[in-house]
Amino acid sequence: MRAGLPMAAALTLAAFAAAGPARPDTVNCARADISAEYAICNSESLQDLDVKLDTAYRKQAAAIGNKPGLQKMEREQVKWQRERDKCKADMTCLALRYSERLLDLDNGTPEKPSSLLGFVGQ
């Protein structure tokens, strides 16, 4: 039985490596620890945008399909998250950051910022 443990661990690591780069997920409200995340978790409209962004990210990742492209996409997402987090609890700023990122991911079919502002504060 002990001989099987190293093999199981190796197979698990291989499966994670084959999966490609980690995808930044939607905000986990149970683990929110910065003001931007708290603001997102306290706004239904920002949570909706977060889900839309996740969907757009997955769609774009599936369309890319190659490791260098996926790695670049992940770096861009992490960079975007840093910019989003600079908004702190500013709902308008957060909505605009989401709009910009959706534009990047959806190739020009984002929610318009003016329509997002109606959601701010919900």
N, C-alpha and C. Protein backbone atom coordinates (compact mmCIF):
# COMPACT_ATOMS: atom_id res chain seq x y z
N MET A 1 0.82 -1.19 0.00
CA MET A 1 0.00 0.00 0.00
C MET A 1 0.87 1.26 0.00
N ARG A 2 1.96 1.24 0.77
CA ARG A 2 2.83 2.41 0.83
C ARG A 2 3.47 2.72 -0.51
N ALA A 3 3.77 1.70 -1.28
CA ALA A 3 4.40 1.91 -2.59
C ALA A 3 3.47 2.68 -3.52
N GLY A 4 2.18 2.57 -3.31
CA GLY A 4 1.21 3.25 -4.17
C GLY A 4 1.10 4.74 -3.88
N LEU A 5 1.48 5.17 -2.68
CA LEU A 5 1.35 6.59 -2.32
C LEU A 5 2.22 7.50 -3.18
N PRO A 6 3.51 7.19 -3.37
CA PRO A 6 4.31 8.07 -4.23
C PRO A 6 3.76 8.14 -5.66
N MET A 7 3.28 7.01 -6.15
CA MET A 7 2.72 6.99 -7.51
C MET A 7 1.46 7.86 -7.58
N ALA A 8 0.61 7.77 -6.57
CA ALA A 8 -0.61 8.57 -6.54
C ALA A 8 -0.27 10.06 -6.47
N ALA A 9 0.73 10.40 -5.66
CA ALA A 9 1.15 11.80 -5.56
C ALA A 9 1.70 12.29 -6.89
N ALA A 10 2.50 11.46 -7.56
CA ALA A 10 3.06 11.84 -8.85
C ALA A 10 1.96 12.04 -9.89
N LEU A 11 0.97 11.17 -9.89
CA LEU A 11 -0.14 11.30 -10.84
C LEU A 11 -0.95 12.56 -10.58
N THR A 12 -1.15 12.87 -9.30
CA THR A 12 -1.89 14.08 -8.94
C THR A 12 -1.14 15.32 -9.43
N LEU A 13 0.17 15.37 -9.18
CA LEU A 13 0.98 16.51 -9.63
C LEU A 13 0.97 16.62 -11.15
N ALA A 14 1.05 15.49 -11.83
CA ALA A 14 1.02 15.51 -13.30
C ALA A 14 -0.31 16.05 -13.82
N ALA A 15 -1.39 15.68 -13.15
CA ALA A 15 -2.70 16.16 -13.57
C ALA A 15 -2.80 17.68 -13.42
N PHE A 16 -2.28 18.21 -12.31
CA PHE A 16 -2.30 19.66 -12.12
C PHE A 16 -1.42 20.37 -13.14
N ALA A 17 -0.26 19.80 -13.44
CA ALA A 17 0.64 20.42 -14.41
C ALA A 17 0.03 20.42 -15.80
N ALA A 18 -0.66 19.36 -16.15
CA ALA A 18 -1.27 19.25 -17.48
C ALA A 18 -2.44 20.20 -17.64
N ALA A 19 -3.05 20.60 -16.55
CA ALA A 19 -4.22 21.47 -16.61
C ALA A 19 -3.88 22.87 -17.10
N GLY A 20 -2.58 23.23 -17.07
CA GLY A 20 -2.19 24.55 -17.55
C GLY A 20 -2.19 25.55 -16.41
N PRO A 21 -2.07 26.82 -16.74
CA PRO A 21 -1.98 27.84 -15.71
C PRO A 21 -3.29 27.97 -14.94
N ALA A 22 -3.14 28.35 -13.70
CA ALA A 22 -4.33 28.53 -12.86
C ALA A 22 -5.15 29.70 -13.38
N ARG A 23 -6.44 29.59 -13.31
CA ARG A 23 -7.35 30.64 -13.76
C ARG A 23 -7.79 31.45 -12.55
N PRO A 24 -7.57 32.75 -12.59
CA PRO A 24 -8.09 33.56 -11.49
C PRO A 24 -9.61 33.42 -11.41
N ASP A 25 -10.11 33.03 -10.27
CA ASP A 25 -11.54 32.79 -10.10
C ASP A 25 -12.28 34.07 -9.72
N THR A 26 -13.60 33.91 -9.63
CA THR A 26 -14.41 35.01 -9.14
C THR A 26 -14.05 35.26 -7.68
N VAL A 27 -14.45 36.41 -7.18
CA VAL A 27 -14.16 36.76 -5.80
C VAL A 27 -14.86 35.77 -4.87
N ASN A 28 -14.11 35.20 -3.96
CA ASN A 28 -14.65 34.29 -2.96
C ASN A 28 -15.03 35.13 -1.74
N CYS A 29 -16.30 35.39 -1.58
CA CYS A 29 -16.75 36.28 -0.51
C CYS A 29 -16.48 35.72 0.88
N ALA A 30 -16.37 34.42 1.01
CA ALA A 30 -16.05 33.83 2.30
C ALA A 30 -14.60 34.13 2.70
N ARG A 31 -13.77 34.47 1.71
CA ARG A 31 -12.36 34.75 1.98
C ARG A 31 -11.96 36.18 1.61
N ALA A 32 -12.91 37.04 1.41
CA ALA A 32 -12.59 38.43 1.06
C ALA A 32 -11.71 39.03 2.14
N ASP A 33 -10.63 39.70 1.72
CA ASP A 33 -9.74 40.27 2.73
C ASP A 33 -9.23 41.66 2.38
N ILE A 34 -9.72 42.23 1.28
CA ILE A 34 -9.36 43.60 0.93
C ILE A 34 -10.63 44.38 0.60
N SER A 35 -10.54 45.70 0.66
CA SER A 35 -11.75 46.51 0.52
C SER A 35 -12.44 46.32 -0.83
N ALA A 36 -11.70 46.13 -1.92
CA ALA A 36 -12.34 45.92 -3.22
C ALA A 36 -13.18 44.64 -3.20
N GLU A 37 -12.66 43.59 -2.59
CA GLU A 37 -13.41 42.33 -2.51
C GLU A 37 -14.66 42.49 -1.65
N TYR A 38 -14.53 43.20 -0.53
CA TYR A 38 -15.71 43.44 0.32
C TYR A 38 -16.77 44.22 -0.45
N ALA A 39 -16.34 45.22 -1.21
CA ALA A 39 -17.29 46.02 -1.99
C ALA A 39 -18.00 45.14 -3.02
N ILE A 40 -17.26 44.28 -3.69
CA ILE A 40 -17.85 43.38 -4.68
C ILE A 40 -18.85 42.45 -4.01
N CYS A 41 -18.48 41.91 -2.87
CA CYS A 41 -19.35 40.97 -2.16
C CYS A 41 -20.61 41.64 -1.62
N ASN A 42 -20.55 42.94 -1.39
CA ASN A 42 -21.71 43.66 -0.86
C ASN A 42 -22.56 44.31 -1.95
N SER A 43 -22.25 44.04 -3.20
CA SER A 43 -23.00 44.62 -4.31
C SER A 43 -23.43 43.51 -5.27
N GLU A 44 -24.72 43.32 -5.38
CA GLU A 44 -25.23 42.30 -6.29
C GLU A 44 -24.80 42.57 -7.73
N SER A 45 -24.81 43.84 -8.13
CA SER A 45 -24.43 44.17 -9.51
C SER A 45 -22.96 43.89 -9.77
N LEU A 46 -22.08 44.18 -8.80
CA LEU A 46 -20.67 43.87 -8.99
C LEU A 46 -20.43 42.37 -8.97
N GLN A 47 -21.19 41.64 -8.16
CA GLN A 47 -21.07 40.18 -8.18
C GLN A 47 -21.49 39.64 -9.55
N ASP A 48 -22.55 40.22 -10.12
CA ASP A 48 -22.98 39.81 -11.46
C ASP A 48 -21.89 40.08 -12.49
N LEU A 49 -21.25 41.23 -12.39
CA LEU A 49 -20.15 41.54 -13.31
C LEU A 49 -18.98 40.58 -13.11
N ASP A 50 -18.73 40.20 -11.87
CA ASP A 50 -17.66 39.26 -11.58
C ASP A 50 -17.93 37.91 -12.25
N VAL A 51 -19.18 37.47 -12.21
CA VAL A 51 -19.56 36.21 -12.87
C VAL A 51 -19.44 36.36 -14.39
N LYS A 52 -19.89 37.49 -14.93
CA LYS A 52 -19.77 37.73 -16.38
C LYS A 52 -18.31 37.71 -16.80
N LEU A 53 -17.46 38.30 -15.98
CA LEU A 53 -16.04 38.32 -16.29
C LEU A 53 -15.47 36.91 -16.28
N ASP A 54 -15.86 36.11 -15.31
CA ASP A 54 -15.40 34.73 -15.23
C ASP A 54 -15.82 33.95 -16.48
N THR A 55 -17.05 34.15 -16.91
CA THR A 55 -17.56 33.47 -18.11
C THR A 55 -16.77 33.91 -19.35
N ALA A 56 -16.54 35.21 -19.48
CA ALA A 56 -15.78 35.72 -20.62
C ALA A 56 -14.34 35.20 -20.60
N TYR A 57 -13.76 35.12 -19.40
CA TYR A 57 -12.39 34.62 -19.26
C TYR A 57 -12.31 33.16 -19.73
N ARG A 58 -13.25 32.35 -19.26
CA ARG A 58 -13.27 30.93 -19.65
C ARG A 58 -13.44 30.78 -21.16
N LYS A 59 -14.32 31.57 -21.74
CA LYS A 59 -14.58 31.51 -23.18
C LYS A 59 -13.32 31.87 -23.96
N GLN A 60 -12.66 32.94 -23.56
CA GLN A 60 -11.44 33.37 -24.23
C GLN A 60 -10.33 32.34 -24.06
N ALA A 61 -10.20 31.77 -22.87
CA ALA A 61 -9.17 30.75 -22.62
C ALA A 61 -9.39 29.53 -23.50
N ALA A 62 -10.63 29.13 -23.66
CA ALA A 62 -10.95 27.97 -24.51
C ALA A 62 -10.60 28.27 -25.97
N ALA A 63 -10.81 29.51 -26.38
CA ALA A 63 -10.52 29.89 -27.77
C ALA A 63 -9.02 29.94 -28.03
N ILE A 64 -8.23 30.29 -27.03
CA ILE A 64 -6.78 30.39 -27.20
C ILE A 64 -6.18 29.00 -27.35
N GLY A 65 -6.36 28.17 -26.35
CA GLY A 65 -5.97 26.77 -26.43
C GLY A 65 -4.49 26.45 -26.47
N ASN A 66 -3.58 27.42 -26.34
CA ASN A 66 -2.16 27.08 -26.29
C ASN A 66 -1.54 27.66 -25.04
N LYS A 67 -0.54 26.96 -24.51
CA LYS A 67 0.03 27.32 -23.22
C LYS A 67 0.61 28.73 -23.18
N PRO A 68 1.41 29.16 -24.16
CA PRO A 68 1.93 30.53 -24.09
C PRO A 68 0.81 31.58 -24.08
N GLY A 69 -0.20 31.37 -24.89
CA GLY A 69 -1.33 32.30 -24.92
C GLY A 69 -2.08 32.33 -23.61
N LEU A 70 -2.27 31.15 -23.01
CA LEU A 70 -2.96 31.08 -21.72
C LEU A 70 -2.15 31.73 -20.61
N GLN A 71 -0.83 31.55 -20.66
CA GLN A 71 0.02 32.18 -19.65
C GLN A 71 -0.02 33.70 -19.77
N LYS A 72 -0.01 34.19 -21.00
CA LYS A 72 -0.12 35.64 -21.21
C LYS A 72 -1.46 36.15 -20.69
N MET A 73 -2.51 35.40 -20.97
CA MET A 73 -3.84 35.78 -20.52
C MET A 73 -3.91 35.82 -18.99
N GLU A 74 -3.28 34.85 -18.35
CA GLU A 74 -3.27 34.83 -16.89
C GLU A 74 -2.52 36.03 -16.34
N ARG A 75 -1.38 36.37 -16.93
CA ARG A 75 -0.63 37.55 -16.48
C ARG A 75 -1.46 38.82 -16.62
N GLU A 76 -2.19 38.92 -17.74
CA GLU A 76 -3.05 40.09 -17.95
C GLU A 76 -4.16 40.15 -16.90
N GLN A 77 -4.70 38.99 -16.53
CA GLN A 77 -5.76 38.95 -15.53
C GLN A 77 -5.24 39.38 -14.16
N VAL A 78 -4.06 38.89 -13.81
CA VAL A 78 -3.46 39.26 -12.52
C VAL A 78 -3.18 40.76 -12.50
N LYS A 79 -2.66 41.29 -13.61
CA LYS A 79 -2.42 42.74 -13.71
C LYS A 79 -3.73 43.50 -13.55
N TRP A 80 -4.79 43.02 -14.22
CA TRP A 80 -6.09 43.67 -14.10
C TRP A 80 -6.60 43.63 -12.66
N GLN A 81 -6.43 42.49 -11.99
CA GLN A 81 -6.89 42.39 -10.60
C GLN A 81 -6.18 43.41 -9.71
N ARG A 82 -4.90 43.63 -9.95
CA ARG A 82 -4.17 44.64 -9.17
C ARG A 82 -4.77 46.03 -9.40
N GLU A 83 -5.09 46.33 -10.66
CA GLU A 83 -5.71 47.62 -10.98
C GLU A 83 -7.10 47.72 -10.35
N ARG A 84 -7.86 46.63 -10.42
CA ARG A 84 -9.19 46.61 -9.80
C ARG A 84 -9.08 46.87 -8.30
N ASP A 85 -8.12 46.25 -7.67
CA ASP A 85 -7.97 46.38 -6.23
C ASP A 85 -7.59 47.79 -5.79
N LYS A 86 -6.98 48.56 -6.69
CA LYS A 86 -6.66 49.96 -6.38
C LYS A 86 -7.92 50.80 -6.22
N CYS A 87 -9.04 50.30 -6.74
CA CYS A 87 -10.31 51.02 -6.58
C CYS A 87 -10.79 51.02 -5.14
N LYS A 88 -10.27 50.09 -4.35
CA LYS A 88 -10.71 49.90 -2.97
C LYS A 88 -12.23 49.71 -2.95
N ALA A 89 -12.98 50.52 -2.23
CA ALA A 89 -14.43 50.33 -2.13
C ALA A 89 -15.22 51.27 -3.04
N ASP A 90 -14.55 51.90 -4.00
CA ASP A 90 -15.20 52.83 -4.92
C ASP A 90 -15.99 52.04 -5.97
N MET A 91 -17.31 52.00 -5.80
CA MET A 91 -18.17 51.18 -6.65
C MET A 91 -18.10 51.59 -8.12
N THR A 92 -18.05 52.89 -8.39
CA THR A 92 -17.98 53.36 -9.77
C THR A 92 -16.67 52.91 -10.41
N CYS A 93 -15.59 53.07 -9.70
CA CYS A 93 -14.29 52.65 -10.18
C CYS A 93 -14.27 51.15 -10.46
N LEU A 94 -14.82 50.36 -9.54
CA LEU A 94 -14.86 48.91 -9.73
C LEU A 94 -15.68 48.54 -10.97
N ALA A 95 -16.83 49.18 -11.13
CA ALA A 95 -17.67 48.89 -12.30
C ALA A 95 -16.93 49.23 -13.59
N LEU A 96 -16.20 50.33 -13.59
CA LEU A 96 -15.44 50.71 -14.78
C LEU A 96 -14.30 49.74 -15.06
N ARG A 97 -13.62 49.27 -14.02
CA ARG A 97 -12.55 48.28 -14.22
C ARG A 97 -13.13 47.00 -14.83
N TYR A 98 -14.28 46.57 -14.33
CA TYR A 98 -14.92 45.38 -14.90
C TYR A 98 -15.29 45.61 -16.36
N SER A 99 -15.81 46.78 -16.66
CA SER A 99 -16.19 47.09 -18.04
C SER A 99 -14.97 47.04 -18.96
N GLU A 100 -13.88 47.60 -18.52
CA GLU A 100 -12.65 47.58 -19.32
C GLU A 100 -12.16 46.16 -19.56
N ARG A 101 -12.20 45.35 -18.52
CA ARG A 101 -11.70 43.97 -18.68
C ARG A 101 -12.64 43.16 -19.56
N LEU A 102 -13.93 43.37 -19.42
CA LEU A 102 -14.87 42.68 -20.30
C LEU A 102 -14.63 43.07 -21.75
N LEU A 103 -14.30 44.33 -21.98
CA LEU A 103 -13.98 44.79 -23.33
C LEU A 103 -12.78 44.02 -23.86
N ASP A 104 -11.75 43.90 -23.04
CA ASP A 104 -10.56 43.15 -23.45
C ASP A 104 -10.90 41.71 -23.80
N LEU A 105 -11.69 41.07 -22.95
CA LEU A 105 -11.98 39.64 -23.13
C LEU A 105 -13.02 39.36 -24.20
N ASP A 106 -13.98 40.25 -24.34
CA ASP A 106 -15.07 40.01 -25.29
C ASP A 106 -14.81 40.65 -26.65
N ASN A 107 -13.62 41.20 -26.84
CA ASN A 107 -13.26 41.80 -28.12
C ASN A 107 -14.28 42.84 -28.59
N GLY A 108 -14.61 43.76 -27.69
CA GLY A 108 -15.43 44.88 -28.10
C GLY A 108 -16.91 44.77 -27.83
N THR A 109 -17.35 43.80 -27.03
CA THR A 109 -18.77 43.71 -26.72
C THR A 109 -19.01 43.76 -25.21
N PRO A 110 -18.50 44.80 -24.54
CA PRO A 110 -18.69 44.87 -23.10
C PRO A 110 -20.01 45.53 -22.74
N GLU A 111 -20.30 45.44 -21.46
CA GLU A 111 -21.37 46.28 -20.92
C GLU A 111 -20.86 47.71 -21.05
N LYS A 112 -21.68 48.61 -21.44
CA LYS A 112 -21.26 50.00 -21.54
C LYS A 112 -21.15 50.59 -20.12
N PRO A 113 -20.09 51.39 -19.86
CA PRO A 113 -19.93 51.96 -18.53
C PRO A 113 -21.17 52.69 -18.05
N SER A 114 -21.87 53.40 -18.92
CA SER A 114 -23.04 54.15 -18.49
C SER A 114 -24.14 53.22 -17.98
N SER A 115 -24.26 52.03 -18.57
CA SER A 115 -25.28 51.10 -18.09
C SER A 115 -24.85 50.46 -16.78
N LEU A 116 -23.55 50.37 -16.55
CA LEU A 116 -23.06 49.79 -15.30
C LEU A 116 -23.31 50.72 -14.12
N LEU A 117 -23.24 52.01 -14.37
CA LEU A 117 -23.38 52.96 -13.28
C LEU A 117 -24.75 52.88 -12.63
N GLY A 118 -25.74 52.43 -13.35
CA GLY A 118 -27.07 52.25 -12.77
C GLY A 118 -27.11 51.13 -11.75
N PHE A 119 -26.13 50.22 -11.82
CA PHE A 119 -26.09 49.11 -10.88
C PHE A 119 -25.35 49.46 -9.60
N VAL A 120 -24.49 50.45 -9.66
CA VAL A 120 -23.63 50.76 -8.53
C VAL A 120 -24.45 51.04 -7.29
N GLY A 121 -24.04 50.40 -6.21
CA GLY A 121 -24.68 50.61 -4.92
C GLY A 121 -25.79 49.63 -4.62
N GLN A 122 -26.09 48.73 -5.53
CA GLN A 122 -27.16 47.76 -5.26
C GLN A 122 -26.64 46.64 -4.40
